[in-house]
Amino acid sequence: MADDKHQGGAPRDESRRQFLKYSGAALGGVVAGGVIGGVIGRSMTGGPAIKPPGQRDQPEKQTKDYNQALMFLNTEQFLMTQAAAERIYPKDELGPGAIELGVAYYIDHQLAGPWGMNARDYMMGPFYKAEATQGYQSGFKRNEIITLGLQALKDYSEGKHGKAFTDLDEAQQDEVLTVFEKGEEVQLHGISSKLFFNLLRSLTIEGAYSDPLYGGNKNMDGWRMRNYPGNQMSYLDVIDKEEFIKMEPASLHDHMSH
């Protein structure tokens, strides 16, 4: 092996060096031509310079809220949900109501997901009429209850007032919702309208105060009305303070974007 190294070794080493030299130049050319060479070359020829990584133009800020897209309700159902939620959680001098907070989008998204389909609940029969202390005992899923309730809300409003629920004035809407809350006049295929109203009321409150990631509490204004800080990463800098600390709320989305 020693003899091979000295005898005829130079040409072999030289060819190896040439190969590395040319292949390295080729690889380097890819990098230089793609970044530095592109910048220099295009600048010298008057063309637009290619900016290296980290120097790219910032994209325009997205203003579209992709949470505001329907996943379960149709347009008519959505507008009815929006109007009913606004009467449950109306706008007043303290802050925005359900419409401005996007509560109806939260409700729509919940109905489209596992919660709305009772995915984690035992939904097989037999189904018995439950006592008041036994809770919900029907085979209808939550999104089906809301669908049935909205249809009943439409039928009752048109039958009583000759108008769609969304066309009623606030006093008339309150009157209709009170009837549904009492659960005495309206039945939804054997289900009390009170069940529908209570479910809608709970969803409305959740939509006003849940994390904006889920569609409601738009701009975290629901939290701001309560001086609630939202999902902060840490309270170490304020936990020892005796006075009340008012903090700018933070959403889960804020942490995900970082």
C-alpha atoms as a PDB file:
ATOM      1  CA  MET A   1       0.000   0.000   0.000  1.00  0.00           C
ATOM      2  CA  ALA A   2       2.939   2.297   0.774  1.00  0.00           C
ATOM      3  CA  ASP A   3       4.380   1.687  -2.679  1.00  0.00           C
ATOM      4  CA  ASP A   4       1.022   2.385  -4.302  1.00  0.00           C
ATOM      5  CA  LYS A   5       0.826   5.634  -2.425  1.00  0.00           C
ATOM      6  CA  HIS A   6       4.177   6.872  -3.735  1.00  0.00           C
ATOM      7  CA  GLN A   7       4.199   5.195  -7.086  1.00  0.00           C
ATOM      8  CA  GLY A   8       1.640   6.902  -9.239  1.00  0.00           C
ATOM      9  CA  GLY A   9      -0.011   8.497  -6.232  1.00  0.00           C
ATOM     10  CA  ALA A  10       0.385  12.054  -7.438  1.00  0.00           C
ATOM     11  CA  PRO A  11      -1.793  11.716 -10.496  1.00  0.00           C
ATOM     12  CA  ARG A  12      -4.447   9.964  -8.376  1.00  0.00           C
ATOM     13  CA  ASP A  13      -4.386  12.750  -5.741  1.00  0.00           C
ATOM     14  CA  GLU A  14      -4.415  15.386  -8.439  1.00  0.00           C
ATOM     15  CA  SER A  15      -7.469  13.893 -10.099  1.00  0.00           C
ATOM     16  CA  ARG A  16      -9.194  13.693  -6.719  1.00  0.00           C
ATOM     17  CA  ARG A  17      -8.367  17.326  -6.029  1.00  0.00           C
ATOM     18  CA  GLN A  18      -9.693  18.339  -9.426  1.00  0.00           C
ATOM     19  CA  PHE A  19     -12.929  16.453  -8.795  1.00  0.00           C
ATOM     20  CA  LEU A  20     -13.422  18.089  -5.390  1.00  0.00           C
ATOM     21  CA  LYS A  21     -12.514  21.466  -6.797  1.00  0.00           C
ATOM     22  CA  TYR A  22     -14.942  21.317  -9.676  1.00  0.00           C
ATOM     23  CA  SER A  23     -17.763  19.678  -7.718  1.00  0.00           C
ATOM     24  CA  GLY A  24     -17.276  22.199  -4.924  1.00  0.00           C
ATOM     25  CA  ALA A  25     -17.374  25.031  -7.412  1.00  0.00           C
ATOM     26  CA  ALA A  26     -20.513  23.598  -8.901  1.00  0.00           C
ATOM     27  CA  LEU A  27     -22.210  23.322  -5.512  1.00  0.00           C
ATOM     28  CA  GLY A  28     -20.939  26.738  -4.552  1.00  0.00           C
ATOM     29  CA  GLY A  29     -22.289  28.066  -7.810  1.00  0.00           C
ATOM     30  CA  VAL A  30     -25.745  26.856  -6.904  1.00  0.00           C
ATOM     31  CA  VAL A  31     -25.621  28.755  -3.624  1.00  0.00           C
ATOM     32  CA  ALA A  32     -23.893  31.824  -4.993  1.00  0.00           C
ATOM     33  CA  GLY A  33     -25.964  31.908  -8.121  1.00  0.00           C
ATOM     34  CA  GLY A  34     -29.174  31.371  -6.215  1.00  0.00           C
ATOM     35  CA  VAL A  35     -28.612  34.000  -3.544  1.00  0.00           C
ATOM     36  CA  ILE A  36     -25.569  36.239  -3.827  1.00  0.00           C
ATOM     37  CA  GLY A  37     -25.045  35.819  -7.548  1.00  0.00           C
ATOM     38  CA  GLY A  38     -28.697  36.447  -8.190  1.00  0.00           C
ATOM     39  CA  VAL A  39     -28.649  39.651  -6.165  1.00  0.00           C
ATOM     40  CA  ILE A  40     -25.469  40.955  -7.807  1.00  0.00           C
ATOM     41  CA  GLY A  41     -26.280  39.762 -11.286  1.00  0.00           C
ATOM     42  CA  ARG A  42     -29.793  41.152 -11.383  1.00  0.00           C
ATOM     43  CA  SER A  43     -28.744  44.409  -9.779  1.00  0.00           C
ATOM     44  CA  MET A  44     -26.018  44.926 -12.384  1.00  0.00           C
ATOM     45  CA  THR A  45     -28.346  44.194 -15.276  1.00  0.00           C
ATOM     46  CA  GLY A  46     -31.017  46.509 -13.918  1.00  0.00           C
ATOM     47  CA  GLY A  47     -33.418  43.698 -12.998  1.00  0.00           C
ATOM     48  CA  PRO A  48     -35.080  43.322  -9.632  1.00  0.00           C
ATOM     49  CA  ALA A  49     -32.722  41.987  -6.987  1.00  0.00           C
ATOM     50  CA  ILE A  50     -33.603  38.722  -5.267  1.00  0.00           C
ATOM     51  CA  LYS A  51     -33.565  39.251  -1.539  1.00  0.00           C
ATOM     52  CA  PRO A  52     -31.802  36.649   0.608  1.00  0.00           C
ATOM     53  CA  PRO A  53     -33.757  34.737   3.266  1.00  0.00           C
ATOM     54  CA  GLY A  54     -34.837  36.938   6.149  1.00  0.00           C
ATOM     55  CA  GLN A  55     -34.885  39.990   3.862  1.00  0.00           C
ATOM     56  CA  ARG A  56     -38.138  39.230   2.077  1.00  0.00           C
ATOM     57  CA  ASP A  57     -40.943  41.698   1.799  1.00  0.00           C
ATOM     58  CA  GLN A  58     -43.454  41.335   4.605  1.00  0.00           C
ATOM     59  CA  PRO A  59     -46.798  39.975   3.380  1.00  0.00           C
ATOM     60  CA  GLU A  60     -49.790  42.237   3.725  1.00  0.00           C
ATOM     61  CA  LYS A  61     -51.563  41.837   7.024  1.00  0.00           C
ATOM     62  CA  GLN A  62     -54.487  39.433   6.839  1.00  0.00           C
ATOM     63  CA  THR A  63     -57.733  41.129   7.779  1.00  0.00           C
ATOM     64  CA  LYS A  64     -60.125  38.320   6.893  1.00  0.00           C
ATOM     65  CA  ASP A  65     -61.433  36.364   9.858  1.00  0.00           C
ATOM     66  CA  TYR A  66     -61.612  32.754   8.721  1.00  0.00           C
ATOM     67  CA  ASN A  67     -63.573  31.885  11.860  1.00  0.00           C
ATOM     68  CA  GLN A  68     -66.537  33.662  10.313  1.00  0.00           C
ATOM     69  CA  ALA A  69     -67.550  30.792   8.053  1.00  0.00           C
ATOM     70  CA  LEU A  70     -70.595  28.576   8.496  1.00  0.00           C
ATOM     71  CA  MET A  71     -69.973  24.891   9.130  1.00  0.00           C
ATOM     72  CA  PHE A  72     -73.379  23.572  10.169  1.00  0.00           C
ATOM     73  CA  LEU A  73     -76.240  26.087  10.044  1.00  0.00           C
ATOM     74  CA  ASN A  74     -77.719  27.400   6.824  1.00  0.00           C
ATOM     75  CA  THR A  75     -78.061  31.159   6.349  1.00  0.00           C
ATOM     76  CA  GLU A  76     -81.635  31.367   7.654  1.00  0.00           C
ATOM     77  CA  GLN A  77     -80.804  29.297  10.733  1.00  0.00           C
ATOM     78  CA  PHE A  78     -77.693  31.357  11.351  1.00  0.00           C
ATOM     79  CA  LEU A  79     -79.585  34.667  11.231  1.00  0.00           C
ATOM     80  CA  MET A  80     -82.200  33.325  13.641  1.00  0.00           C
ATOM     81  CA  THR A  81     -79.484  32.095  15.988  1.00  0.00           C
ATOM     82  CA  GLN A  82     -77.769  35.454  15.795  1.00  0.00           C
ATOM     83  CA  ALA A  83     -80.977  37.360  16.555  1.00  0.00           C
ATOM     84  CA  ALA A  84     -81.938  35.079  19.462  1.00  0.00           C
ATOM     85  CA  ALA A  85     -78.439  35.202  20.954  1.00  0.00           C
ATOM     86  CA  GLU A  86     -78.493  39.009  20.790  1.00  0.00           C
ATOM     87  CA  ARG A  87     -81.673  39.087  22.883  1.00  0.00           C
ATOM     88  CA  ILE A  88     -80.082  36.725  25.424  1.00  0.00           C
ATOM     89  CA  TYR A  89     -76.849  38.745  25.466  1.00  0.00           C
ATOM     90  CA  PRO A  90     -77.761  42.220  24.146  1.00  0.00           C
ATOM     91  CA  LYS A  91     -75.509  45.143  23.421  1.00  0.00           C
ATOM     92  CA  ASP A  92     -75.693  47.833  26.099  1.00  0.00           C
ATOM     93  CA  GLU A  93     -73.703  50.664  27.650  1.00  0.00           C
ATOM     94  CA  LEU A  94     -71.265  48.138  29.128  1.00  0.00           C
ATOM     95  CA  GLY A  95     -70.162  46.689  25.824  1.00  0.00           C
ATOM     96  CA  PRO A  96     -71.008  44.730  22.664  1.00  0.00           C
ATOM     97  CA  GLY A  97     -73.697  42.085  22.389  1.00  0.00           C
ATOM     98  CA  ALA A  98     -73.762  38.615  20.894  1.00  0.00           C
ATOM     99  CA  ILE A  99     -73.796  39.817  17.290  1.00  0.00           C
ATOM    100  CA  GLU A 100     -70.673  41.973  17.599  1.00  0.00           C
ATOM    101  CA  LEU A 101     -68.918  39.246  19.580  1.00  0.00           C
ATOM    102  CA  GLY A 102     -69.554  36.682  16.829  1.00  0.00           C
ATOM    103  CA  VAL A 103     -71.407  34.358  19.199  1.00  0.00           C
ATOM    104  CA  ALA A 104     -73.462  32.754  16.426  1.00  0.00           C
ATOM    105  CA  TYR A 105     -70.265  31.583  14.708  1.00  0.00           C
ATOM    106  CA  TYR A 106     -69.156  29.938  17.936  1.00  0.00           C
ATOM    107  CA  ILE A 107     -72.521  28.165  18.171  1.00  0.00           C
ATOM    108  CA  ASP A 108     -72.363  27.051  14.548  1.00  0.00           C
ATOM    109  CA  HIS A 109     -68.851  25.627  14.958  1.00  0.00           C
ATOM    110  CA  GLN A 110     -69.757  23.765  18.145  1.00  0.00           C
ATOM    111  CA  LEU A 111     -72.767  22.180  16.451  1.00  0.00           C
ATOM    112  CA  ALA A 112     -70.550  21.011  13.582  1.00  0.00           C
ATOM    113  CA  GLY A 113     -68.013  19.346  15.862  1.00  0.00           C
ATOM    114  CA  PRO A 114     -67.918  16.315  18.176  1.00  0.00           C
ATOM    115  CA  TRP A 115     -69.797  18.165  20.932  1.00  0.00           C
ATOM    116  CA  GLY A 116     -72.717  18.933  18.631  1.00  0.00           C
ATOM    117  CA  MET A 117     -72.857  15.317  17.500  1.00  0.00           C
ATOM    118  CA  ASN A 118     -72.638  13.915  21.058  1.00  0.00           C
ATOM    119  CA  ALA A 119     -69.589  11.987  19.901  1.00  0.00           C
ATOM    120  CA  ARG A 120     -68.511  11.129  23.470  1.00  0.00           C
ATOM    121  CA  ASP A 121     -71.946  10.386  24.879  1.00  0.00           C
ATOM    122  CA  TYR A 122     -73.786   7.079  25.081  1.00  0.00           C
ATOM    123  CA  MET A 123     -76.666   7.575  22.651  1.00  0.00           C
ATOM    124  CA  MET A 124     -78.212   4.112  22.416  1.00  0.00           C
ATOM    125  CA  GLY A 125     -81.725   3.308  23.684  1.00  0.00           C
ATOM    126  CA  PRO A 126     -83.923   2.621  25.397  1.00  0.00           C
ATOM    127  CA  PHE A 127     -84.933   6.223  26.078  1.00  0.00           C
ATOM    128  CA  TYR A 128     -87.242   6.897  29.016  1.00  0.00           C
ATOM    129  CA  LYS A 129     -88.988  10.061  30.047  1.00  0.00           C
ATOM    130  CA  ALA A 130     -86.616  11.563  32.561  1.00  0.00           C
ATOM    131  CA  GLU A 131     -87.390  13.179  35.849  1.00  0.00           C
ATOM    132  CA  ALA A 132     -86.294  16.767  36.284  1.00  0.00           C
ATOM    133  CA  THR A 133     -83.286  15.621  38.324  1.00  0.00           C
ATOM    134  CA  GLN A 134     -82.108  13.141  35.684  1.00  0.00           C
ATOM    135  CA  GLY A 135     -81.194  15.593  32.963  1.00  0.00           C
ATOM    136  CA  TYR A 136     -81.391  14.991  29.266  1.00  0.00           C
ATOM    137  CA  GLN A 137     -82.496  11.483  28.271  1.00  0.00           C
ATOM    138  CA  SER A 138     -83.430  11.805  24.592  1.00  0.00           C
ATOM    139  CA  GLY A 139     -81.922  10.231  21.506  1.00  0.00           C
ATOM    140  CA  PHE A 140     -81.644  13.593  19.732  1.00  0.00           C
ATOM    141  CA  LYS A 141     -78.159  14.997  19.329  1.00  0.00           C
ATOM    142  CA  ARG A 142     -77.398  18.551  20.430  1.00  0.00           C
ATOM    143  CA  ASN A 143     -77.206  19.886  16.889  1.00  0.00           C
ATOM    144  CA  GLU A 144     -80.544  18.214  16.158  1.00  0.00           C
ATOM    145  CA  ILE A 145     -82.112  19.902  19.191  1.00  0.00           C
ATOM    146  CA  ILE A 146     -80.913  23.302  17.985  1.00  0.00           C
ATOM    147  CA  THR A 147     -82.171  22.568  14.460  1.00  0.00           C
ATOM    148  CA  LEU A 148     -85.586  21.513  15.753  1.00  0.00           C
ATOM    149  CA  GLY A 149     -85.713  24.492  18.086  1.00  0.00           C
ATOM    150  CA  LEU A 150     -84.923  26.984  15.335  1.00  0.00           C
ATOM    151  CA  GLN A 151     -87.629  25.500  13.125  1.00  0.00           C
ATOM    152  CA  ALA A 152     -90.116  25.742  16.001  1.00  0.00           C
ATOM    153  CA  LEU A 153     -88.990  29.328  16.643  1.00  0.00           C
ATOM    154  CA  LYS A 154     -89.695  30.146  13.011  1.00  0.00           C
ATOM    155  CA  ASP A 155     -93.102  28.418  12.980  1.00  0.00           C
ATOM    156  CA  TYR A 156     -94.225  29.959  16.280  1.00  0.00           C
ATOM    157  CA  SER A 157     -93.184  33.483  15.233  1.00  0.00           C
ATOM    158  CA  GLU A 158     -94.964  33.233  11.889  1.00  0.00           C
ATOM    159  CA  GLY A 159     -98.055  31.707  13.483  1.00  0.00           C
ATOM    160  CA  LYS A 160     -98.260  34.215  16.341  1.00  0.00           C
ATOM    161  CA  HIS A 161     -97.055  37.412  14.669  1.00  0.00           C
ATOM    162  CA  GLY A 162     -97.196  36.662  10.947  1.00  0.00           C
ATOM    163  CA  LYS A 163     -93.469  37.432  10.618  1.00  0.00           C
ATOM    164  CA  ALA A 164     -90.155  35.639  10.677  1.00  0.00           C
ATOM    165  CA  PHE A 165     -88.395  35.736  14.044  1.00  0.00           C
ATOM    166  CA  THR A 166     -85.681  37.966  12.595  1.00  0.00           C
ATOM    167  CA  ASP A 167     -88.319  40.499  11.467  1.00  0.00           C
ATOM    168  CA  LEU A 168     -89.902  40.868  14.919  1.00  0.00           C
ATOM    169  CA  ASP A 169     -89.054  43.859  17.072  1.00  0.00           C
ATOM    170  CA  GLU A 170     -87.058  43.312  20.255  1.00  0.00           C
ATOM    171  CA  ALA A 171     -90.115  43.164  22.527  1.00  0.00           C
ATOM    172  CA  GLN A 172     -91.766  40.530  20.324  1.00  0.00           C
ATOM    173  CA  GLN A 173     -88.559  38.494  20.158  1.00  0.00           C
ATOM    174  CA  ASP A 174     -88.308  38.593  23.948  1.00  0.00           C
ATOM    175  CA  GLU A 175     -91.926  37.474  24.179  1.00  0.00           C
ATOM    176  CA  VAL A 176     -91.324  34.489  21.887  1.00  0.00           C
ATOM    177  CA  LEU A 177     -88.145  33.466  23.678  1.00  0.00           C
ATOM    178  CA  THR A 178     -89.923  33.686  27.040  1.00  0.00           C
ATOM    179  CA  VAL A 179     -92.537  31.238  25.765  1.00  0.00           C
ATOM    180  CA  PHE A 180     -89.782  28.846  24.744  1.00  0.00           C
ATOM    181  CA  GLU A 181     -87.994  29.317  28.068  1.00  0.00           C
ATOM    182  CA  LYS A 182     -91.107  28.324  30.021  1.00  0.00           C
ATOM    183  CA  GLY A 183     -91.506  25.180  27.917  1.00  0.00           C
ATOM    184  CA  GLU A 184     -95.263  24.966  28.302  1.00  0.00           C
ATOM    185  CA  GLU A 185     -96.706  25.877  24.889  1.00  0.00           C
ATOM    186  CA  VAL A 186     -94.183  24.486  22.422  1.00  0.00           C
ATOM    187  CA  GLN A 187     -93.005  20.913  22.008  1.00  0.00           C
ATOM    188  CA  LEU A 188     -90.215  19.797  19.688  1.00  0.00           C
ATOM    189  CA  HIS A 189     -91.063  16.229  18.711  1.00  0.00           C
ATOM    190  CA  GLY A 190     -91.641  15.348  22.345  1.00  0.00           C
ATOM    191  CA  ILE A 191     -88.862  17.562  23.681  1.00  0.00           C
ATOM    192  CA  SER A 192     -89.703  20.603  25.737  1.00  0.00           C
ATOM    193  CA  SER A 193     -88.763  23.924  24.166  1.00  0.00           C
ATOM    194  CA  LYS A 194     -87.154  24.740  27.515  1.00  0.00           C
ATOM    195  CA  LEU A 195     -84.392  22.257  26.711  1.00  0.00           C
ATOM    196  CA  PHE A 196     -83.731  24.084  23.451  1.00  0.00           C
ATOM    197  CA  PHE A 197     -83.745  27.496  25.136  1.00  0.00           C
ATOM    198  CA  ASN A 198     -81.408  26.436  27.941  1.00  0.00           C
ATOM    199  CA  LEU A 199     -78.997  24.912  25.434  1.00  0.00           C
ATOM    200  CA  LEU A 200     -79.069  28.066  23.309  1.00  0.00           C
ATOM    201  CA  ARG A 201     -78.549  30.257  26.380  1.00  0.00           C
ATOM    202  CA  SER A 202     -75.533  28.212  27.523  1.00  0.00           C
ATOM    203  CA  LEU A 203     -74.006  28.339  24.053  1.00  0.00           C
ATOM    204  CA  THR A 204     -74.544  32.100  23.908  1.00  0.00           C
ATOM    205  CA  ILE A 205     -72.716  32.696  27.189  1.00  0.00           C
ATOM    206  CA  GLU A 206     -69.907  30.351  26.127  1.00  0.00           C
ATOM    207  CA  GLY A 207     -69.569  32.187  22.821  1.00  0.00           C
ATOM    208  CA  ALA A 208     -69.285  35.533  24.583  1.00  0.00           C
ATOM    209  CA  TYR A 209     -66.504  34.412  26.936  1.00  0.00           C
ATOM    210  CA  SER A 210     -64.657  31.523  25.272  1.00  0.00           C
ATOM    211  CA  ASP A 211     -61.290  31.941  23.616  1.00  0.00           C
ATOM    212  CA  PRO A 212     -61.626  33.713  20.231  1.00  0.00           C
ATOM    213  CA  LEU A 213     -59.910  30.706  18.689  1.00  0.00           C
ATOM    214  CA  TYR A 214     -63.314  28.989  18.779  1.00  0.00           C
ATOM    215  CA  GLY A 215     -65.193  31.653  16.837  1.00  0.00           C
ATOM    216  CA  GLY A 216     -66.787  33.903  19.474  1.00  0.00           C
ATOM    217  CA  ASN A 217     -65.547  36.605  21.848  1.00  0.00           C
ATOM    218  CA  LYS A 218     -64.388  38.631  18.848  1.00  0.00           C
ATOM    219  CA  ASN A 219     -61.362  40.824  19.541  1.00  0.00           C
ATOM    220  CA  MET A 220     -61.503  39.461  23.115  1.00  0.00           C
ATOM    221  CA  ASP A 221     -64.089  42.155  23.918  1.00  0.00           C
ATOM    222  CA  GLY A 222     -66.048  39.725  26.088  1.00  0.00           C
ATOM    223  CA  TRP A 223     -62.968  39.355  28.288  1.00  0.00           C
ATOM    224  CA  ARG A 224     -62.311  43.080  28.277  1.00  0.00           C
ATOM    225  CA  MET A 225     -65.756  43.742  29.724  1.00  0.00           C
ATOM    226  CA  ARG A 226     -64.822  41.470  32.629  1.00  0.00           C
ATOM    227  CA  ASN A 227     -61.185  42.587  32.922  1.00  0.00           C
ATOM    228  CA  TYR A 228     -60.256  38.962  32.321  1.00  0.00           C
ATOM    229  CA  PRO A 229     -56.666  38.497  31.087  1.00  0.00           C
ATOM    230  CA  GLY A 230     -57.353  35.460  28.941  1.00  0.00           C
ATOM    231  CA  ASN A 231     -54.591  32.932  28.340  1.00  0.00           C
ATOM    232  CA  GLN A 232     -51.431  34.544  29.673  1.00  0.00           C
ATOM    233  CA  MET A 233     -48.183  32.618  29.463  1.00  0.00           C
ATOM    234  CA  SER A 234     -47.126  33.654  32.968  1.00  0.00           C
ATOM    235  CA  TYR A 235     -48.081  35.828  35.935  1.00  0.00           C
ATOM    236  CA  LEU A 236     -44.658  35.805  37.610  1.00  0.00           C
ATOM    237  CA  ASP A 237     -44.163  39.529  37.223  1.00  0.00           C
ATOM    238  CA  VAL A 238     -47.492  40.459  38.859  1.00  0.00           C
ATOM    239  CA  ILE A 239     -48.380  37.578  41.174  1.00  0.00           C
ATOM    240  CA  ASP A 240     -46.847  39.258  44.253  1.00  0.00           C
ATOM    241  CA  LYS A 241     -48.571  42.597  43.706  1.00  0.00           C
ATOM    242  CA  GLU A 242     -51.365  43.419  46.139  1.00  0.00           C
ATOM    243  CA  GLU A 243     -53.304  45.801  43.901  1.00  0.00           C
ATOM    244  CA  PHE A 244     -55.520  44.696  41.016  1.00  0.00           C
ATOM    245  CA  ILE A 245     -53.517  44.450  37.793  1.00  0.00           C
ATOM    246  CA  LYS A 246     -55.400  45.148  34.585  1.00  0.00           C
ATOM    247  CA  MET A 247     -53.799  43.259  31.713  1.00  0.00           C
ATOM    248  CA  GLU A 248     -54.311  43.246  27.989  1.00  0.00           C
ATOM    249  CA  PRO A 249     -55.978  39.865  27.305  1.00  0.00           C
ATOM    250  CA  ALA A 250     -54.216  37.212  25.249  1.00  0.00           C
ATOM    251  CA  SER A 251     -55.757  34.478  23.112  1.00  0.00           C
ATOM    252  CA  LEU A 252     -54.492  30.957  22.516  1.00  0.00           C
ATOM    253  CA  HIS A 253     -54.034  32.062  18.930  1.00  0.00           C
ATOM    254  CA  ASP A 254     -51.545  34.700  20.047  1.00  0.00           C
ATOM    255  CA  HIS A 255     -49.297  32.017  21.558  1.00  0.00           C
ATOM    256  CA  MET A 256     -49.675  29.719  18.543  1.00  0.00           C
ATOM    257  CA  SER A 257     -48.587  32.472  16.155  1.00  0.00           C
ATOM    258  CA  HIS A 258     -45.352  32.869  18.122  1.00  0.00           C
END
